Amino acid sequence: MDQGLILFAHGARDPRWAEPFERLAVRIGELARNTRIALAYLETMQPSLAAACADLIALGCEELVIVPIFLGQGGHVRLDLPEQIKAVRQAHPGISIRASAAAGEDAGVIEAIAKYSLAQLSRVNPQEP
């Protein structure tokens, strides 16, 4: 069964906001060369979740795994995402679709952010926001 992995993020008006997500998708592609990967956005940016799912299904994916690239399980992940998944299931019966918890809920992600944050204490020339 062909699998597709969808990285689901919020979206923003500034196209540069998507750059880290694009780098993440490229890195996942390097680690899992046989996995089809797509980015999808909740709002403002394209593709939408429905469009990303349709694209992967058109490529032969029969199972889709959606990974919310959010720090927490807020309303977008708990409410908006399930509604969008429901609509995709109705449009594509017979396709297996599941979503993980928000990436920021994972202990490994929390550990990586903690280490990154602590490393900022010793930076000589920290970037200003």
N, C-alpha and C. Protein backbone atom coordinates (compact mmCIF):
# COMPACT_ATOMS: atom_id res chain seq x y z
N MET A 1 0.85 -1.18 0.00
CA MET A 1 0.00 0.00 0.00
C MET A 1 0.89 1.24 0.00
N ASP A 2 0.69 2.11 -0.98
CA ASP A 2 1.47 3.34 -1.05
C ASP A 2 1.01 4.32 0.02
N GLN A 3 1.99 4.88 0.72
CA GLN A 3 1.70 5.84 1.78
C GLN A 3 2.11 7.24 1.35
N GLY A 4 1.37 8.21 1.86
CA GLY A 4 1.72 9.60 1.68
C GLY A 4 1.77 10.27 3.04
N LEU A 5 2.71 11.17 3.19
CA LEU A 5 2.89 11.91 4.44
C LEU A 5 2.60 13.38 4.15
N ILE A 6 1.68 13.95 4.93
CA ILE A 6 1.32 15.35 4.75
C ILE A 6 1.70 16.13 5.99
N LEU A 7 2.54 17.13 5.81
CA LEU A 7 2.89 18.05 6.88
C LEU A 7 1.88 19.18 6.85
N PHE A 8 1.11 19.31 7.91
CA PHE A 8 0.00 20.25 7.96
C PHE A 8 0.38 21.41 8.88
N ALA A 9 0.41 22.62 8.33
CA ALA A 9 0.80 23.80 9.09
C ALA A 9 -0.28 24.88 8.97
N HIS A 10 -0.13 25.93 9.74
CA HIS A 10 -1.16 26.97 9.81
C HIS A 10 -1.27 27.77 8.53
N GLY A 11 -0.17 28.31 8.06
CA GLY A 11 -0.19 29.22 6.91
C GLY A 11 -0.04 30.66 7.37
N ALA A 12 0.43 31.52 6.47
CA ALA A 12 0.65 32.93 6.79
C ALA A 12 0.63 33.75 5.51
N ARG A 13 0.49 35.05 5.64
CA ARG A 13 0.48 35.93 4.47
C ARG A 13 1.87 36.05 3.84
N ASP A 14 2.90 36.00 4.65
CA ASP A 14 4.27 36.15 4.15
C ASP A 14 4.77 34.79 3.65
N PRO A 15 5.07 34.67 2.36
CA PRO A 15 5.50 33.37 1.82
C PRO A 15 6.78 32.83 2.46
N ARG A 16 7.62 33.73 3.03
CA ARG A 16 8.85 33.28 3.68
C ARG A 16 8.55 32.43 4.91
N TRP A 17 7.37 32.60 5.49
CA TRP A 17 6.99 31.83 6.66
C TRP A 17 7.04 30.33 6.38
N ALA A 18 6.78 29.93 5.14
CA ALA A 18 6.74 28.51 4.79
C ALA A 18 8.13 27.89 4.61
N GLU A 19 9.18 28.68 4.57
CA GLU A 19 10.51 28.15 4.28
C GLU A 19 10.96 27.04 5.23
N PRO A 20 10.77 27.15 6.56
CA PRO A 20 11.18 26.03 7.41
C PRO A 20 10.39 24.75 7.14
N PHE A 21 9.13 24.89 6.78
CA PHE A 21 8.31 23.71 6.48
C PHE A 21 8.78 23.06 5.18
N GLU A 22 9.17 23.88 4.23
CA GLU A 22 9.70 23.36 2.97
C GLU A 22 11.01 22.62 3.21
N ARG A 23 11.88 23.18 4.07
CA ARG A 23 13.13 22.50 4.41
C ARG A 23 12.86 21.19 5.14
N LEU A 24 11.86 21.20 6.01
CA LEU A 24 11.49 19.97 6.72
C LEU A 24 11.02 18.91 5.74
N ALA A 25 10.21 19.28 4.78
CA ALA A 25 9.74 18.32 3.78
C ALA A 25 10.90 17.74 2.97
N VAL A 26 11.85 18.60 2.60
CA VAL A 26 13.03 18.13 1.87
C VAL A 26 13.82 17.15 2.73
N ARG A 27 14.00 17.47 3.99
CA ARG A 27 14.78 16.58 4.88
C ARG A 27 14.09 15.24 5.05
N ILE A 28 12.78 15.26 5.21
CA ILE A 28 12.05 13.99 5.33
C ILE A 28 12.21 13.18 4.04
N GLY A 29 12.16 13.86 2.92
CA GLY A 29 12.38 13.18 1.64
C GLY A 29 13.75 12.53 1.54
N GLU A 30 14.75 13.17 2.12
CA GLU A 30 16.10 12.60 2.14
C GLU A 30 16.15 11.36 3.02
N LEU A 31 15.41 11.37 4.11
CA LEU A 31 15.41 10.25 5.05
C LEU A 31 14.53 9.09 4.60
N ALA A 32 13.50 9.38 3.85
CA ALA A 32 12.55 8.36 3.41
C ALA A 32 12.26 8.56 1.92
N ARG A 33 13.20 8.16 1.12
CA ARG A 33 13.14 8.45 -0.32
C ARG A 33 11.92 7.85 -1.03
N ASN A 34 11.35 6.81 -0.51
CA ASN A 34 10.22 6.17 -1.17
C ASN A 34 8.87 6.65 -0.66
N THR A 35 8.87 7.64 0.20
CA THR A 35 7.63 8.16 0.76
C THR A 35 7.24 9.43 0.01
N ARG A 36 6.00 9.50 -0.38
CA ARG A 36 5.50 10.72 -1.02
C ARG A 36 5.15 11.71 0.09
N ILE A 37 5.60 12.94 -0.08
CA ILE A 37 5.46 13.97 0.96
C ILE A 37 4.80 15.19 0.35
N ALA A 38 3.89 15.78 1.13
CA ALA A 38 3.25 17.03 0.69
C ALA A 38 3.13 17.97 1.88
N LEU A 39 3.12 19.23 1.58
CA LEU A 39 2.80 20.25 2.58
C LEU A 39 1.36 20.67 2.36
N ALA A 40 0.67 21.02 3.45
CA ALA A 40 -0.69 21.54 3.36
C ALA A 40 -0.86 22.60 4.43
N TYR A 41 -1.73 23.55 4.16
CA TYR A 41 -1.92 24.66 5.07
C TYR A 41 -3.39 24.83 5.43
N LEU A 42 -3.61 25.23 6.66
CA LEU A 42 -4.96 25.46 7.17
C LEU A 42 -5.60 26.66 6.50
N GLU A 43 -4.84 27.74 6.37
CA GLU A 43 -5.41 28.95 5.79
C GLU A 43 -4.33 29.81 5.17
N THR A 44 -4.73 30.71 4.34
CA THR A 44 -3.92 31.74 3.71
C THR A 44 -3.00 31.21 2.61
N MET A 45 -2.37 30.06 2.81
CA MET A 45 -1.43 29.50 1.83
C MET A 45 -2.02 28.28 1.16
N GLN A 46 -1.41 27.91 0.05
CA GLN A 46 -1.82 26.73 -0.70
C GLN A 46 -0.65 25.76 -0.76
N PRO A 47 -0.94 24.47 -0.84
CA PRO A 47 -2.23 23.86 -1.04
C PRO A 47 -2.99 23.67 0.28
N SER A 48 -4.28 23.55 0.15
CA SER A 48 -5.12 23.20 1.30
C SER A 48 -4.91 21.72 1.60
N LEU A 49 -5.41 21.28 2.74
CA LEU A 49 -5.32 19.86 3.08
C LEU A 49 -6.05 19.02 2.03
N ALA A 50 -7.23 19.45 1.61
CA ALA A 50 -7.99 18.70 0.62
C ALA A 50 -7.21 18.56 -0.68
N ALA A 51 -6.58 19.64 -1.13
CA ALA A 51 -5.81 19.60 -2.38
C ALA A 51 -4.58 18.72 -2.25
N ALA A 52 -3.87 18.81 -1.13
CA ALA A 52 -2.68 17.98 -0.93
C ALA A 52 -3.06 16.50 -0.89
N CYS A 53 -4.15 16.18 -0.21
CA CYS A 53 -4.62 14.79 -0.17
C CYS A 53 -4.97 14.31 -1.57
N ALA A 54 -5.71 15.11 -2.31
CA ALA A 54 -6.11 14.73 -3.67
C ALA A 54 -4.88 14.51 -4.55
N ASP A 55 -3.86 15.35 -4.40
CA ASP A 55 -2.64 15.18 -5.20
C ASP A 55 -1.95 13.86 -4.90
N LEU A 56 -1.84 13.52 -3.61
CA LEU A 56 -1.18 12.26 -3.24
C LEU A 56 -2.01 11.06 -3.66
N ILE A 57 -3.31 11.16 -3.54
CA ILE A 57 -4.18 10.07 -3.97
C ILE A 57 -4.06 9.86 -5.48
N ALA A 58 -3.97 10.94 -6.22
CA ALA A 58 -3.80 10.86 -7.68
C ALA A 58 -2.48 10.18 -8.05
N LEU A 59 -1.50 10.27 -7.16
CA LEU A 59 -0.21 9.62 -7.39
C LEU A 59 -0.22 8.15 -6.95
N GLY A 60 -1.35 7.69 -6.43
CA GLY A 60 -1.46 6.28 -6.06
C GLY A 60 -1.43 5.98 -4.58
N CYS A 61 -1.38 6.99 -3.74
CA CYS A 61 -1.35 6.74 -2.29
C CYS A 61 -2.72 6.25 -1.82
N GLU A 62 -2.70 5.17 -1.07
CA GLU A 62 -3.92 4.60 -0.52
C GLU A 62 -4.03 4.83 0.98
N GLU A 63 -2.93 5.30 1.57
CA GLU A 63 -2.91 5.62 3.00
C GLU A 63 -2.22 6.97 3.18
N LEU A 64 -2.89 7.86 3.90
CA LEU A 64 -2.33 9.19 4.16
C LEU A 64 -2.15 9.37 5.66
N VAL A 65 -1.00 9.88 6.03
CA VAL A 65 -0.71 10.20 7.42
C VAL A 65 -0.48 11.71 7.48
N ILE A 66 -1.25 12.37 8.32
CA ILE A 66 -1.17 13.82 8.45
C ILE A 66 -0.46 14.15 9.76
N VAL A 67 0.60 14.94 9.66
CA VAL A 67 1.35 15.35 10.84
C VAL A 67 1.17 16.85 11.02
N PRO A 68 0.42 17.25 12.05
CA PRO A 68 0.26 18.69 12.31
C PRO A 68 1.57 19.27 12.85
N ILE A 69 2.13 20.20 12.11
CA ILE A 69 3.36 20.85 12.56
C ILE A 69 2.95 22.09 13.36
N PHE A 70 2.39 21.81 14.52
CA PHE A 70 1.94 22.81 15.48
C PHE A 70 2.61 22.46 16.81
N LEU A 71 2.81 23.45 17.67
CA LEU A 71 3.42 23.17 18.96
C LEU A 71 2.46 22.50 19.92
N GLY A 72 1.18 22.77 19.82
CA GLY A 72 0.22 22.19 20.76
C GLY A 72 -1.07 21.77 20.09
N GLN A 73 -1.90 21.13 20.87
CA GLN A 73 -3.18 20.61 20.41
C GLN A 73 -4.27 21.66 20.60
N GLY A 74 -4.10 22.83 20.03
CA GLY A 74 -5.12 23.88 20.15
C GLY A 74 -6.31 23.60 19.25
N GLY A 75 -7.16 24.60 19.11
CA GLY A 75 -8.39 24.46 18.36
C GLY A 75 -8.19 24.05 16.91
N HIS A 76 -7.12 24.50 16.29
CA HIS A 76 -6.89 24.13 14.89
C HIS A 76 -6.67 22.62 14.76
N VAL A 77 -5.94 22.05 15.71
CA VAL A 77 -5.65 20.61 15.64
C VAL A 77 -6.83 19.79 16.17
N ARG A 78 -7.45 20.26 17.23
CA ARG A 78 -8.56 19.50 17.84
C ARG A 78 -9.88 19.66 17.10
N LEU A 79 -10.11 20.80 16.46
CA LEU A 79 -11.41 21.06 15.84
C LEU A 79 -11.34 21.18 14.32
N ASP A 80 -10.50 22.07 13.82
CA ASP A 80 -10.44 22.33 12.38
C ASP A 80 -9.91 21.13 11.59
N LEU A 81 -8.83 20.53 12.06
CA LEU A 81 -8.23 19.41 11.34
C LEU A 81 -9.19 18.22 11.22
N PRO A 82 -9.85 17.78 12.30
CA PRO A 82 -10.80 16.66 12.14
C PRO A 82 -11.91 16.95 11.14
N GLU A 83 -12.39 18.20 11.10
CA GLU A 83 -13.43 18.55 10.13
C GLU A 83 -12.90 18.44 8.70
N GLN A 84 -11.68 18.88 8.49
CA GLN A 84 -11.09 18.80 7.15
C GLN A 84 -10.84 17.35 6.75
N ILE A 85 -10.40 16.53 7.71
CA ILE A 85 -10.18 15.11 7.42
C ILE A 85 -11.51 14.44 7.08
N LYS A 86 -12.55 14.79 7.79
CA LYS A 86 -13.87 14.23 7.51
C LYS A 86 -14.28 14.52 6.07
N ALA A 87 -14.06 15.74 5.62
CA ALA A 87 -14.41 16.12 4.25
C ALA A 87 -13.57 15.34 3.23
N VAL A 88 -12.29 15.14 3.53
CA VAL A 88 -11.43 14.38 2.61
C VAL A 88 -11.90 12.93 2.55
N ARG A 89 -12.25 12.35 3.69
CA ARG A 89 -12.75 10.96 3.70
C ARG A 89 -14.02 10.82 2.87
N GLN A 90 -14.89 11.82 2.96
CA GLN A 90 -16.13 11.77 2.18
C GLN A 90 -15.83 11.88 0.69
N ALA A 91 -14.84 12.68 0.33
CA ALA A 91 -14.48 12.86 -1.08
C ALA A 91 -13.70 11.67 -1.64
N HIS A 92 -13.04 10.92 -0.75
CA HIS A 92 -12.17 9.81 -1.19
C HIS A 92 -12.44 8.57 -0.34
N PRO A 93 -13.61 7.97 -0.46
CA PRO A 93 -13.88 6.78 0.33
C PRO A 93 -12.90 5.66 -0.03
N GLY A 94 -12.55 4.88 0.95
CA GLY A 94 -11.63 3.78 0.72
C GLY A 94 -10.18 4.14 0.95
N ILE A 95 -9.89 5.41 1.14
CA ILE A 95 -8.52 5.85 1.44
C ILE A 95 -8.36 5.90 2.95
N SER A 96 -7.30 5.29 3.46
CA SER A 96 -7.01 5.33 4.89
C SER A 96 -6.36 6.67 5.22
N ILE A 97 -6.93 7.38 6.17
CA ILE A 97 -6.40 8.69 6.57
C ILE A 97 -6.31 8.72 8.09
N ARG A 98 -5.14 9.06 8.59
CA ARG A 98 -5.00 9.23 10.04
C ARG A 98 -4.10 10.43 10.32
N ALA A 99 -4.31 10.99 11.48
CA ALA A 99 -3.51 12.16 11.88
C ALA A 99 -2.79 11.85 13.18
N SER A 100 -1.60 12.37 13.30
CA SER A 100 -0.85 12.24 14.54
C SER A 100 -1.20 13.40 15.47
N ALA A 101 -0.67 13.36 16.66
CA ALA A 101 -0.76 14.50 17.57
C ALA A 101 0.10 15.63 17.00
N ALA A 102 -0.08 16.82 17.51
CA ALA A 102 0.75 17.95 17.09
C ALA A 102 2.22 17.62 17.36
N ALA A 103 3.09 18.02 16.44
CA ALA A 103 4.51 17.71 16.56
C ALA A 103 5.09 18.19 17.89
N GLY A 104 4.63 19.34 18.36
CA GLY A 104 5.16 19.90 19.59
C GLY A 104 4.78 19.13 20.84
N GLU A 105 3.89 18.15 20.72
CA GLU A 105 3.50 17.31 21.85
C GLU A 105 4.50 16.17 22.07
N ASP A 106 5.36 15.92 21.09
CA ASP A 106 6.30 14.81 21.16
C ASP A 106 7.48 15.13 22.07
N ALA A 107 7.86 14.19 22.90
CA ALA A 107 8.97 14.40 23.84
C ALA A 107 10.27 14.74 23.12
N GLY A 108 10.52 14.11 21.97
CA GLY A 108 11.75 14.39 21.22
C GLY A 108 11.78 15.81 20.67
N VAL A 109 10.63 16.30 20.24
CA VAL A 109 10.54 17.68 19.74
C VAL A 109 10.74 18.65 20.89
N ILE A 110 10.13 18.39 22.02
CA ILE A 110 10.31 19.25 23.19
C ILE A 110 11.77 19.27 23.61
N GLU A 111 12.42 18.12 23.59
CA GLU A 111 13.85 18.04 23.94
C GLU A 111 14.70 18.86 22.97
N ALA A 112 14.41 18.75 21.67
CA ALA A 112 15.17 19.50 20.67
C ALA A 112 14.99 21.01 20.85
N ILE A 113 13.77 21.45 21.14
CA ILE A 113 13.53 22.88 21.36
C ILE A 113 14.20 23.35 22.65
N ALA A 114 14.18 22.52 23.66
CA ALA A 114 14.85 22.88 24.93
C ALA A 114 16.36 23.06 24.70
N LYS A 115 16.96 22.14 23.99
CA LYS A 115 18.40 22.24 23.71
C LYS A 115 18.72 23.46 22.86
N TYR A 116 17.89 23.71 21.86
CA TYR A 116 18.07 24.90 21.03
C TYR A 116 17.97 26.16 21.89
N SER A 117 16.97 26.22 22.74
CA SER A 117 16.76 27.40 23.59
C SER A 117 17.93 27.63 24.52
N LEU A 118 18.42 26.58 25.15
CA LEU A 118 19.56 26.71 26.05
C LEU A 118 20.82 27.12 25.30
N ALA A 119 20.98 26.65 24.08
CA ALA A 119 22.16 27.02 23.28
C ALA A 119 22.18 28.51 23.00
N GLN A 120 21.03 29.15 23.00
CA GLN A 120 20.97 30.59 22.72
C GLN A 120 21.62 31.40 23.83
N LEU A 121 21.73 30.83 25.02
CA LEU A 121 22.35 31.54 26.13
C LEU A 121 23.83 31.79 25.88
N SER A 122 24.47 30.92 25.11
CA SER A 122 25.91 31.06 24.88
C SER A 122 26.28 31.66 23.53
N ARG A 123 25.28 32.09 22.77
CA ARG A 123 25.58 32.70 21.48
C ARG A 123 26.22 34.06 21.66
N VAL A 124 27.27 34.30 20.89
CA VAL A 124 28.00 35.57 20.98
C VAL A 124 27.22 36.70 20.34
N ASN A 125 26.68 36.47 19.18
CA ASN A 125 25.92 37.49 18.44
C ASN A 125 24.51 36.99 18.18
N PRO A 126 23.67 37.01 19.18
CA PRO A 126 22.31 36.50 18.95
C PRO A 126 21.57 37.36 17.94
N GLN A 127 20.72 36.70 17.16
CA GLN A 127 19.89 37.42 16.21
C GLN A 127 18.79 38.16 16.96
N GLU A 128 18.53 39.36 16.53
CA GLU A 128 17.43 40.09 17.12
C GLU A 128 16.19 39.85 16.29
N PRO A 129 15.03 39.72 16.93
CA PRO A 129 13.81 39.48 16.17
C PRO A 129 13.44 40.64 15.29
